[in-house]
N, C-alpha and C. Protein backbone atom coordinates (compact mmCIF):
# COMPACT_ATOMS: atom_id res chain seq x y z
N MET A 1 34.23 6.59 12.28
CA MET A 1 32.72 7.34 13.33
C MET A 1 31.57 6.98 12.61
N ARG A 2 31.38 7.30 11.79
CA ARG A 2 29.78 6.46 11.15
C ARG A 2 29.45 5.29 11.60
N ALA A 3 30.38 4.25 11.73
CA ALA A 3 29.84 2.87 12.30
C ALA A 3 29.39 2.66 13.63
N VAL A 4 30.02 3.58 14.42
CA VAL A 4 29.70 3.71 15.73
C VAL A 4 28.39 4.47 16.22
N LEU A 5 28.27 5.27 15.12
CA LEU A 5 26.88 6.21 15.28
C LEU A 5 25.81 5.22 14.58
N THR A 6 25.92 4.53 13.64
CA THR A 6 24.64 3.74 13.30
C THR A 6 24.59 2.28 14.28
N GLN A 7 25.69 2.00 15.49
CA GLN A 7 24.75 0.88 16.52
C GLN A 7 24.84 1.84 17.56
N LEU A 8 24.98 3.09 17.28
CA LEU A 8 24.59 3.72 19.14
C LEU A 8 23.03 3.61 19.20
N PRO A 9 21.86 3.75 18.60
CA PRO A 9 20.35 3.21 18.88
C PRO A 9 20.70 1.76 19.33
N ASN A 10 21.27 0.74 18.48
CA ASN A 10 21.00 -0.34 19.35
C ASN A 10 21.77 -0.50 20.98
N ALA A 11 22.60 -0.15 20.68
CA ALA A 11 23.18 -0.16 22.08
C ALA A 11 22.48 0.59 23.39
N LEU A 12 22.08 1.79 22.84
CA LEU A 12 20.95 2.35 23.89
C LEU A 12 20.08 1.53 23.98
N THR A 13 19.50 0.66 22.95
CA THR A 13 18.17 -0.25 23.20
C THR A 13 18.41 -1.25 23.96
N VAL A 14 19.47 -1.86 23.99
CA VAL A 14 20.14 -2.96 24.65
C VAL A 14 20.29 -2.31 26.48
N SER A 15 20.91 -1.27 26.35
CA SER A 15 21.09 -0.56 27.90
C SER A 15 19.63 -0.27 28.60
N ARG A 16 18.68 0.09 27.77
CA ARG A 16 17.40 0.16 28.40
C ARG A 16 17.10 -1.25 28.87
N GLY A 17 17.14 -2.06 27.79
CA GLY A 17 16.80 -3.69 28.51
C GLY A 17 17.30 -3.90 29.89
N LEU A 18 18.84 -3.58 30.08
CA LEU A 18 19.46 -4.04 31.06
C LEU A 18 19.17 -3.18 32.54
N ALA A 19 19.06 -2.05 32.09
CA ALA A 19 18.60 -0.75 33.16
C ALA A 19 17.16 -1.22 33.73
N GLY A 20 16.24 -2.22 33.15
CA GLY A 20 14.93 -2.79 33.89
C GLY A 20 15.82 -3.85 34.97
N LEU A 21 16.63 -4.51 34.70
CA LEU A 21 17.22 -5.72 35.59
C LEU A 21 17.80 -4.83 36.74
N LEU A 22 18.53 -4.03 36.49
CA LEU A 22 19.51 -2.90 37.49
C LEU A 22 18.49 -2.37 38.38
N GLY A 23 17.76 -1.71 37.51
CA GLY A 23 16.48 -0.61 38.58
C GLY A 23 16.10 -1.53 39.35
N ALA A 24 15.47 -2.43 39.03
CA ALA A 24 14.95 -3.69 39.51
C ALA A 24 15.29 -3.96 40.78
N TRP A 25 16.58 -4.42 40.68
CA TRP A 25 17.19 -4.89 41.60
C TRP A 25 17.98 -3.78 43.12
N LEU A 26 17.85 -2.39 42.24
CA LEU A 26 18.24 -1.53 43.34
C LEU A 26 16.67 -1.14 44.16
N LEU A 27 15.84 -1.11 43.26
CA LEU A 27 14.55 -0.87 43.79
C LEU A 27 14.01 -1.97 45.28
N LEU A 28 14.40 -3.31 44.55
CA LEU A 28 14.31 -4.63 45.78
C LEU A 28 15.54 -3.98 47.05
N GLU A 29 16.54 -3.54 46.43
CA GLU A 29 17.94 -3.38 47.69
C GLU A 29 17.05 -2.16 48.68
N SER A 30 16.56 -1.33 48.07
CA SER A 30 16.23 0.17 48.91
C SER A 30 14.79 -0.76 49.66
N ALA A 31 13.83 -1.30 49.44
CA ALA A 31 12.85 -2.02 49.99
C ALA A 31 13.32 -2.64 51.04
N GLY A 32 14.47 -3.64 51.05
CA GLY A 32 14.90 -4.29 52.02
C GLY A 32 16.30 -3.81 52.85
N ALA A 33 16.33 -2.63 52.72
CA ALA A 33 17.32 -1.97 53.41
C ALA A 33 17.49 -1.50 54.95
N ALA A 34 18.37 -1.93 55.73
CA ALA A 34 18.08 -1.76 57.13
C ALA A 34 18.14 -0.41 57.64
N LEU A 35 19.00 0.16 56.78
CA LEU A 35 19.26 1.97 57.46
C LEU A 35 18.34 2.80 56.09
N GLU A 36 17.59 3.96 56.88
CA GLU A 36 17.12 5.16 55.95
C GLU A 36 18.13 5.23 55.01
N GLU A 37 19.24 5.64 55.53
CA GLU A 37 19.97 6.74 54.13
C GLU A 37 20.40 5.54 53.26
N ASN A 38 20.55 4.50 53.32
CA ASN A 38 20.87 3.55 52.00
C ASN A 38 19.67 2.92 51.41
N ALA A 39 18.03 2.72 51.96
CA ALA A 39 16.88 3.01 51.27
C ALA A 39 16.94 3.95 50.39
N VAL A 40 17.20 5.15 50.86
CA VAL A 40 16.86 6.43 49.96
C VAL A 40 17.74 6.21 48.91
N PHE A 41 19.18 6.21 48.72
CA PHE A 41 20.40 5.93 47.98
C PHE A 41 19.92 5.22 46.99
N TYR A 42 19.27 3.69 47.41
CA TYR A 42 18.92 2.69 46.08
C TYR A 42 17.40 3.64 45.72
N GLY A 43 17.04 3.66 46.35
CA GLY A 43 15.57 4.40 45.90
C GLY A 43 15.76 5.39 44.96
N LEU A 44 16.39 6.28 45.23
CA LEU A 44 16.72 7.44 44.11
C LEU A 44 17.63 6.90 43.00
N ALA A 45 18.32 5.66 43.11
CA ALA A 45 19.36 5.39 42.07
C ALA A 45 18.22 4.65 41.41
N SER A 46 17.44 3.82 41.64
CA SER A 46 16.36 3.25 40.85
C SER A 46 15.41 4.01 40.04
N GLY A 47 15.58 4.75 40.65
CA GLY A 47 14.39 6.30 39.89
C GLY A 47 14.84 6.91 38.95
N LEU A 48 16.02 7.21 39.58
CA LEU A 48 17.09 7.98 38.27
C LEU A 48 17.19 6.85 36.80
N LEU A 49 17.50 5.74 37.24
CA LEU A 49 17.89 4.32 36.34
C LEU A 49 16.74 4.41 35.47
N LEU A 50 15.74 4.36 36.05
CA LEU A 50 14.25 3.98 35.18
C LEU A 50 14.01 5.61 34.31
N ALA A 51 14.16 6.77 34.76
CA ALA A 51 14.15 8.02 34.18
C ALA A 51 14.92 7.98 33.02
N LEU A 52 16.29 7.58 33.17
CA LEU A 52 17.43 7.63 32.14
C LEU A 52 16.79 6.58 30.99
N ALA A 53 16.53 5.53 31.52
CA ALA A 53 16.60 4.24 30.77
C ALA A 53 15.08 4.60 29.74
N ALA A 54 14.12 4.94 30.51
CA ALA A 54 12.53 5.52 29.63
C ALA A 54 12.65 6.36 28.69
N SER A 55 13.61 7.34 28.78
CA SER A 55 14.01 8.17 27.89
C SER A 55 14.65 7.73 26.54
N THR A 56 15.85 6.58 26.73
CA THR A 56 16.27 5.87 25.54
C THR A 56 15.22 5.66 24.39
N ASP A 57 13.97 5.17 24.91
CA ASP A 57 13.28 4.39 24.37
C ASP A 57 12.61 5.34 23.07
N TRP A 58 12.78 6.72 23.44
CA TRP A 58 12.38 7.75 22.22
C TRP A 58 13.77 7.95 21.49
N LEU A 59 14.73 8.26 22.39
CA LEU A 59 16.05 8.73 21.67
C LEU A 59 16.52 7.76 20.93
N ASP A 60 16.76 6.26 21.05
CA ASP A 60 17.20 5.40 20.17
C ASP A 60 16.54 5.17 18.72
N GLY A 61 15.12 5.42 18.67
CA GLY A 61 14.42 5.69 17.41
C GLY A 61 14.73 6.83 16.93
N MET A 62 14.88 7.72 17.23
CA MET A 62 15.21 9.06 16.78
C MET A 62 16.49 8.79 15.93
N LEU A 63 17.34 8.29 16.93
CA LEU A 63 18.99 8.57 16.28
C LEU A 63 19.05 7.33 14.82
N ALA A 64 18.00 6.36 15.28
CA ALA A 64 18.02 5.41 14.03
C ALA A 64 17.87 5.77 12.96
N ARG A 65 16.82 6.44 13.01
CA ARG A 65 15.78 7.29 11.46
C ARG A 65 17.39 8.39 11.33
N LYS A 66 17.70 9.24 12.48
CA LYS A 66 19.02 10.12 12.02
C LYS A 66 19.92 9.82 11.08
N PHE A 67 20.37 8.51 11.52
CA PHE A 67 21.86 7.95 11.24
C PHE A 67 21.29 6.98 10.04
N ASN A 68 20.26 6.43 9.59
CA ASN A 68 19.62 5.58 8.71
C ASN A 68 20.30 4.32 9.33
N ALA A 69 19.73 4.22 10.15
CA ALA A 69 20.28 3.01 11.19
C ALA A 69 19.11 2.04 11.32
N VAL A 70 18.35 2.11 11.02
CA VAL A 70 16.66 1.16 11.32
C VAL A 70 17.16 -0.09 10.43
N THR A 71 17.05 -1.16 11.37
CA THR A 71 17.36 -2.20 11.10
C THR A 71 16.39 -3.35 11.56
N PRO A 72 16.19 -4.89 10.81
CA PRO A 72 15.20 -5.46 11.73
C PRO A 72 15.35 -5.91 13.02
N LEU A 73 16.94 -5.94 13.25
CA LEU A 73 17.36 -6.27 14.41
C LEU A 73 16.86 -5.22 15.49
N GLY A 74 16.95 -3.67 15.30
CA GLY A 74 16.68 -3.24 16.05
C GLY A 74 15.08 -2.94 16.34
N ALA A 75 14.55 -3.20 15.47
CA ALA A 75 13.05 -3.61 15.88
C ALA A 75 12.68 -4.48 16.25
N LEU A 76 13.13 -5.36 16.41
CA LEU A 76 13.32 -6.77 17.60
C LEU A 76 13.68 -6.65 18.59
N LEU A 77 14.86 -5.70 18.94
CA LEU A 77 15.09 -5.50 20.07
C LEU A 77 14.28 -4.41 20.79
N ASP A 78 14.03 -3.11 20.03
CA ASP A 78 12.96 -2.24 20.86
C ASP A 78 12.08 -2.63 22.03
N PRO A 79 11.22 -3.43 21.58
CA PRO A 79 10.09 -4.31 22.11
C PRO A 79 10.58 -5.02 23.13
N ILE A 80 11.47 -5.53 23.30
CA ILE A 80 12.26 -6.62 23.83
C ILE A 80 12.90 -5.75 25.05
N ALA A 81 13.38 -5.01 25.06
CA ALA A 81 13.90 -3.98 26.16
C ALA A 81 12.93 -2.78 26.30
N ASP A 82 11.88 -2.94 26.36
CA ASP A 82 10.82 -2.11 26.89
C ASP A 82 9.96 -3.20 28.07
N LYS A 83 10.08 -4.45 27.36
CA LYS A 83 9.34 -5.33 28.27
C LYS A 83 9.89 -5.85 29.10
N MET A 84 11.48 -5.78 29.40
CA MET A 84 12.91 -5.77 30.21
C MET A 84 12.30 -4.81 31.23
N LEU A 85 12.39 -3.51 30.84
CA LEU A 85 12.41 -2.62 31.78
C LEU A 85 11.06 -2.45 32.32
N THR A 86 10.03 -2.28 31.94
CA THR A 86 8.42 -2.62 32.78
C THR A 86 8.18 -3.42 33.30
N GLY A 87 8.56 -5.15 32.86
CA GLY A 87 8.87 -5.60 33.33
C GLY A 87 9.32 -6.10 34.80
N GLY A 88 10.82 -5.90 34.78
CA GLY A 88 11.68 -5.87 36.01
C GLY A 88 11.08 -4.67 37.13
N TYR A 89 10.61 -3.82 36.79
CA TYR A 89 10.07 -3.04 37.96
C TYR A 89 9.03 -3.40 38.03
N LEU A 90 8.06 -3.91 37.51
CA LEU A 90 6.68 -4.79 38.15
C LEU A 90 7.15 -6.05 38.94
N VAL A 91 8.01 -6.67 38.26
CA VAL A 91 8.07 -7.95 39.06
C VAL A 91 9.01 -7.49 40.86
N ALA A 92 9.44 -6.24 40.38
CA ALA A 92 9.85 -6.00 41.72
C ALA A 92 8.92 -5.27 42.55
N TYR A 93 8.48 -4.98 41.96
CA TYR A 93 7.02 -4.23 42.88
C TYR A 93 6.05 -5.39 43.79
N VAL A 94 5.79 -6.36 42.86
CA VAL A 94 5.42 -7.25 43.35
C VAL A 94 6.01 -7.93 44.47
N LEU A 95 7.38 -8.14 44.41
CA LEU A 95 7.88 -9.25 45.53
C LEU A 95 7.92 -8.12 46.77
N ILE A 96 8.33 -6.63 46.57
CA ILE A 96 8.11 -5.86 47.90
C ILE A 96 6.73 -5.92 48.32
N ALA A 97 5.52 -6.22 47.91
CA ALA A 97 4.29 -6.25 48.01
C ALA A 97 3.94 -7.68 48.39
N GLY A 98 5.15 -8.37 48.76
CA GLY A 98 5.08 -10.07 49.40
C GLY A 98 4.05 -10.72 48.60
N GLY A 99 3.69 -10.43 47.20
CA GLY A 99 3.33 -11.46 46.46
C GLY A 99 1.60 -11.06 46.64
N ASN A 100 0.95 -10.04 46.78
CA ASN A 100 -0.09 -9.72 47.23
C ASN A 100 -0.76 -10.01 45.45
N PRO A 101 -1.78 -10.75 46.04
CA PRO A 101 -2.45 -11.21 44.51
C PRO A 101 -3.35 -9.88 43.96
N TRP A 102 -3.56 -9.16 44.30
CA TRP A 102 -4.05 -8.23 43.66
C TRP A 102 -3.08 -6.97 42.75
N LEU A 103 -1.76 -7.33 42.91
CA LEU A 103 -0.94 -7.09 41.95
C LEU A 103 -0.39 -7.79 41.17
N ALA A 104 -0.12 -9.32 41.75
CA ALA A 104 0.73 -10.08 41.07
C ALA A 104 -0.26 -10.66 39.96
N ILE A 105 -1.33 -10.68 40.25
CA ILE A 105 -2.56 -11.14 39.19
C ILE A 105 -2.05 -10.33 37.38
N PRO A 106 -2.51 -9.27 37.47
CA PRO A 106 -2.24 -8.23 36.58
C PRO A 106 -0.95 -8.13 35.92
N VAL A 107 0.09 -8.36 37.17
CA VAL A 107 1.57 -8.24 36.50
C VAL A 107 1.86 -9.64 35.29
N ALA A 108 1.38 -10.49 36.25
CA ALA A 108 1.16 -12.04 35.90
C ALA A 108 0.51 -12.12 34.25
N ILE A 109 -0.56 -11.26 34.33
CA ILE A 109 -1.11 -11.33 32.57
C ILE A 109 -0.46 -10.35 31.86
N ILE A 110 0.49 -9.47 32.20
CA ILE A 110 1.14 -8.45 31.54
C ILE A 110 2.21 -9.43 30.73
N LEU A 111 2.73 -9.90 31.89
CA LEU A 111 4.12 -10.73 31.65
C LEU A 111 3.87 -11.67 30.54
N ALA A 112 3.02 -12.35 30.76
CA ALA A 112 2.49 -13.49 29.88
C ALA A 112 1.97 -13.26 28.49
N ARG A 113 1.38 -12.12 28.36
CA ARG A 113 1.43 -10.82 27.00
C ARG A 113 2.59 -10.93 26.32
N ASP A 114 3.33 -10.33 27.15
CA ASP A 114 4.32 -10.25 26.33
C ASP A 114 5.44 -11.32 25.87
N ILE A 115 5.46 -12.37 26.99
CA ILE A 115 6.05 -13.67 26.74
C ILE A 115 5.34 -14.07 25.33
N LEU A 116 4.27 -13.72 25.14
CA LEU A 116 3.54 -14.85 24.33
C LEU A 116 3.95 -13.75 22.39
N VAL A 117 3.82 -12.68 22.82
CA VAL A 117 3.72 -11.37 21.70
C VAL A 117 5.68 -11.84 21.22
N THR A 118 6.47 -11.96 22.09
CA THR A 118 7.78 -11.83 21.63
C THR A 118 8.14 -13.21 21.27
N GLY A 119 7.56 -14.02 21.50
CA GLY A 119 7.72 -15.67 21.09
C GLY A 119 7.19 -16.05 19.53
N LEU A 120 5.73 -14.97 19.19
CA LEU A 120 5.37 -15.19 17.75
C LEU A 120 6.40 -14.38 16.96
N ARG A 121 6.98 -12.99 17.31
CA ARG A 121 7.58 -12.57 16.91
C ARG A 121 9.10 -13.56 16.54
N LEU A 122 9.68 -13.92 17.61
CA LEU A 122 10.83 -15.09 17.30
C LEU A 122 10.39 -16.35 16.65
N ALA A 123 9.70 -16.79 16.98
CA ALA A 123 9.34 -18.03 16.48
C ALA A 123 7.98 -18.59 16.17
N GLY A 124 6.99 -17.57 15.69
CA GLY A 124 5.97 -17.85 15.36
C GLY A 124 6.13 -18.16 13.76
N PRO A 125 4.23 -18.47 13.27
CA PRO A 125 4.42 -18.89 11.75
C PRO A 125 4.53 -17.57 11.11
N LYS A 126 5.66 -17.94 10.20
CA LYS A 126 5.94 -17.27 9.16
C LYS A 126 5.04 -16.51 8.62
N ARG A 127 5.19 -15.18 8.86
CA ARG A 127 3.78 -14.49 7.80
C ARG A 127 4.36 -13.37 6.83
N PRO A 128 3.74 -12.61 6.02
CA PRO A 128 4.23 -11.60 5.60
C PRO A 128 4.87 -10.26 6.01
N GLU A 129 6.20 -9.98 5.48
CA GLU A 129 6.60 -8.94 6.73
C GLU A 129 5.86 -7.82 6.86
N GLY A 130 6.03 -7.06 8.37
CA GLY A 130 5.14 -6.55 9.37
C GLY A 130 3.95 -7.20 9.59
N ALA A 131 3.70 -8.10 9.62
CA ALA A 131 2.55 -9.14 10.35
C ALA A 131 2.55 -8.83 11.76
N TYR A 132 3.99 -8.94 12.35
CA TYR A 132 4.27 -8.96 13.74
C TYR A 132 4.48 -7.73 14.33
N ALA A 133 4.51 -6.57 13.41
CA ALA A 133 4.88 -5.35 13.63
C ALA A 133 4.26 -4.30 14.85
N VAL A 134 4.96 -3.65 15.87
CA VAL A 134 4.49 -3.43 16.95
C VAL A 134 3.01 -2.14 16.50
N THR A 135 2.12 -2.63 17.31
CA THR A 135 1.05 -1.96 16.55
C THR A 135 0.38 -0.71 17.65
N MET A 136 0.02 0.46 17.23
CA MET A 136 -0.77 1.34 17.97
C MET A 136 -0.90 1.09 19.34
N GLU A 137 -1.45 0.12 19.33
CA GLU A 137 -2.26 -0.54 20.67
C GLU A 137 -0.93 -0.98 21.85
N ALA A 138 -0.14 -1.73 21.45
CA ALA A 138 1.02 -2.04 21.95
C ALA A 138 1.72 -0.66 22.40
N LYS A 139 2.13 0.08 21.37
CA LYS A 139 2.94 1.19 22.16
C LYS A 139 2.28 2.00 23.01
N ALA A 140 0.75 2.36 22.95
CA ALA A 140 0.28 3.02 24.18
C ALA A 140 0.32 2.05 25.11
N LYS A 141 0.03 0.87 25.28
CA LYS A 141 0.60 0.19 26.72
C LYS A 141 1.86 0.16 26.94
N THR A 142 2.57 0.15 26.46
CA THR A 142 3.93 0.51 26.45
C THR A 142 4.28 1.68 27.41
N ALA A 143 3.52 2.91 26.79
CA ALA A 143 3.54 4.33 27.47
C ALA A 143 3.25 4.10 28.65
N PHE A 144 1.80 3.45 28.94
CA PHE A 144 0.69 3.72 29.71
C PHE A 144 1.83 2.99 31.23
N LEU A 145 2.43 1.65 30.51
CA LEU A 145 2.93 0.77 31.86
C LEU A 145 4.26 1.56 32.08
N MET A 146 5.02 2.57 31.46
CA MET A 146 5.93 3.18 31.86
C MET A 146 5.99 4.40 32.96
N LEU A 147 4.42 4.92 32.44
CA LEU A 147 3.94 6.05 33.77
C LEU A 147 3.59 5.35 34.86
N LEU A 148 2.89 3.94 34.60
CA LEU A 148 2.68 3.11 35.80
C LEU A 148 3.81 2.97 36.81
N VAL A 149 4.80 2.62 36.11
CA VAL A 149 6.01 2.18 37.07
C VAL A 149 6.67 3.35 37.65
N ALA A 150 6.90 4.42 37.20
CA ALA A 150 7.20 5.52 37.60
C ALA A 150 6.09 6.19 38.52
N LEU A 151 5.09 5.92 38.82
CA LEU A 151 4.09 6.80 39.49
C LEU A 151 4.58 6.83 40.91
N PRO A 152 4.99 5.52 41.47
CA PRO A 152 5.35 5.25 42.91
C PRO A 152 6.34 5.94 43.41
N PHE A 153 7.41 6.19 42.35
CA PHE A 153 8.64 6.80 42.61
C PHE A 153 8.08 8.59 42.88
N VAL A 154 7.14 8.91 41.96
CA VAL A 154 7.01 10.22 42.07
C VAL A 154 5.86 10.51 43.18
N LEU A 155 5.38 9.76 43.41
CA LEU A 155 4.46 9.78 44.73
C LEU A 155 5.02 9.94 45.81
N VAL A 156 6.02 9.09 46.10
CA VAL A 156 6.93 8.99 47.18
C VAL A 156 8.06 10.54 47.29
N LEU A 157 8.15 10.92 46.30
CA LEU A 157 8.96 12.20 46.11
C LEU A 157 8.45 13.12 46.29
N LEU A 158 6.92 13.31 45.93
CA LEU A 158 5.93 14.30 46.42
C LEU A 158 5.27 14.12 48.00
N GLY A 159 6.17 13.18 48.78
CA GLY A 159 5.51 13.35 49.78
C GLY A 159 4.55 12.37 50.56
N PHE A 160 4.28 11.65 49.68
CA PHE A 160 3.20 10.31 49.74
C PHE A 160 3.62 9.15 49.93
N ASP A 161 4.66 9.13 51.24
CA ASP A 161 5.18 7.86 51.21
C ASP A 161 4.70 7.02 52.44
N ASP A 162 3.22 7.01 52.57
CA ASP A 162 2.23 5.79 53.08
C ASP A 162 1.52 5.16 52.15
N VAL A 163 2.65 4.32 51.49
CA VAL A 163 1.93 3.59 50.50
C VAL A 163 0.38 2.96 50.68
N SER A 164 0.18 2.45 51.80
CA SER A 164 -1.08 1.75 52.17
C SER A 164 -2.11 2.92 51.66
N ARG A 165 -1.99 3.99 51.80
CA ARG A 165 -2.94 5.06 51.29
C ARG A 165 -3.29 5.19 49.88
N TRP A 166 -2.70 4.65 49.00
CA TRP A 166 -2.89 4.86 47.19
C TRP A 166 -2.37 3.48 46.54
N PHE A 167 -1.72 2.66 47.48
CA PHE A 167 -1.31 1.24 46.81
C PHE A 167 -2.75 0.52 45.54
N TYR A 168 -3.73 0.59 46.57
CA TYR A 168 -4.60 -0.46 45.95
C TYR A 168 -5.23 0.78 44.63
N ILE A 169 -4.87 1.98 44.81
CA ILE A 169 -5.27 3.03 43.45
C ILE A 169 -4.57 2.64 42.36
N TRP A 170 -3.54 2.29 42.74
CA TRP A 170 -2.45 2.66 41.88
C TRP A 170 -2.51 0.95 41.42
N THR A 171 -2.59 0.02 41.74
CA THR A 171 -2.94 -1.18 41.48
C THR A 171 -4.08 -1.38 40.38
N GLY A 172 -5.11 -0.72 40.52
CA GLY A 172 -6.33 -0.42 39.65
C GLY A 172 -5.50 -0.32 38.32
N GLY A 173 -4.71 1.09 38.32
CA GLY A 173 -4.22 1.18 37.18
C GLY A 173 -3.60 0.11 36.67
N VAL A 174 -2.80 -0.98 37.45
CA VAL A 174 -1.82 -1.70 36.80
C VAL A 174 -2.89 -2.96 35.94
N TRP A 175 -4.25 -2.98 37.21
CA TRP A 175 -5.51 -3.92 36.31
C TRP A 175 -5.50 -3.66 34.86
N LEU A 176 -5.84 -2.25 34.49
CA LEU A 176 -6.10 -1.61 33.34
C LEU A 176 -4.97 -2.03 32.46
N ALA A 177 -3.87 -1.74 32.85
CA ALA A 177 -2.60 -1.83 32.34
C ALA A 177 -2.74 -3.44 31.43
N ALA A 178 -2.85 -4.55 32.26
CA ALA A 178 -3.44 -5.81 32.21
C ALA A 178 -4.21 -6.02 31.26
N ALA A 179 -5.49 -5.44 31.27
CA ALA A 179 -6.55 -5.32 30.21
C ALA A 179 -6.21 -4.95 28.78
N LEU A 180 -5.55 -3.52 28.84
CA LEU A 180 -4.91 -3.45 27.47
C LEU A 180 -3.93 -4.18 27.00
N ALA A 181 -3.03 -4.62 28.11
CA ALA A 181 -1.83 -5.68 27.45
C ALA A 181 -2.73 -6.89 26.73
N ALA A 182 -3.35 -7.50 27.40
CA ALA A 182 -4.40 -8.55 26.87
C ALA A 182 -5.17 -7.99 25.36
N TRP A 183 -5.59 -6.91 25.42
CA TRP A 183 -6.32 -6.50 24.28
C TRP A 183 -5.44 -6.11 23.23
N SER A 184 -4.35 -5.57 23.56
CA SER A 184 -3.20 -5.52 22.62
C SER A 184 -2.15 -6.84 21.82
N ALA A 185 -2.84 -8.12 22.51
CA ALA A 185 -2.13 -9.19 22.24
C ALA A 185 -2.97 -9.78 20.70
N TRP A 186 -4.11 -9.12 20.58
CA TRP A 186 -5.29 -9.73 19.61
C TRP A 186 -4.55 -9.80 18.03
N PRO A 187 -4.07 -8.60 17.63
CA PRO A 187 -3.49 -8.71 16.26
C PRO A 187 -2.72 -9.26 16.17
N TYR A 188 -1.56 -9.75 17.14
CA TYR A 188 -0.50 -10.87 17.08
C TYR A 188 -1.03 -12.18 17.04
N LEU A 189 -1.93 -12.17 17.72
CA LEU A 189 -2.54 -13.76 17.63
C LEU A 189 -3.32 -13.96 16.35
N ARG A 190 -3.93 -12.88 16.24
CA ARG A 190 -4.85 -13.11 14.85
C ARG A 190 -4.16 -13.08 13.47
N ALA A 191 -3.01 -12.52 13.61
CA ALA A 191 -1.96 -12.73 12.54
C ALA A 191 -1.31 -13.82 12.52
N ALA A 192 -0.90 -14.45 13.73
CA ALA A 192 -0.26 -16.11 13.91
C ALA A 192 -1.59 -17.11 13.33
N LEU A 193 -2.41 -16.91 13.75
CA LEU A 193 -3.97 -17.86 13.29
C LEU A 193 -4.03 -18.16 12.19
N GLN A 194 -4.01 -16.77 11.43
CA GLN A 194 -4.76 -16.41 9.90
C GLN A 194 -3.77 -17.63 8.73
N ARG A 195 -4.64 -18.61 8.16
CA ARG A 195 -4.17 -19.54 7.41
C ARG A 195 -3.72 -19.08 6.01
């Protein structure tokens, strides 16, 4: 039983990343549904999956500490799962918006930053342990992105279903997240460039 409990945090982490892909697909199905009841079903399923997956970001870390199961693999998987969750939904929003450049450009910046930082963690120059550890800036970026990804669901549930009334305000938040993402990449780049 102990062995199963020590694997639970990483299993939750992996499920969060996969939920990002599944949730994005459900969101796209909702946007393209011909029948309103199908659109509502897929949209609710996507929103619920997002909420459940986002809650595992806290839960997996808590369980890893509780069961003394903190591992280098878990430390690597956790930010990747976060990126898959938020990135999947952001790409879905860009596709739903027809590639609108006001949304596509900041999403591209966020995704490029995430690919860069993950690449440095996986194949960057060897540095002392902890050089590529998740920073507070990166954690703030992730938390802000999770809120931004969830916000359209909340707005629609509150009755603001005319997306054109809030799209560009919300997109401004995505631009802010892109700026935060670019800024939060600097500690990783600095670590990689140090001789």
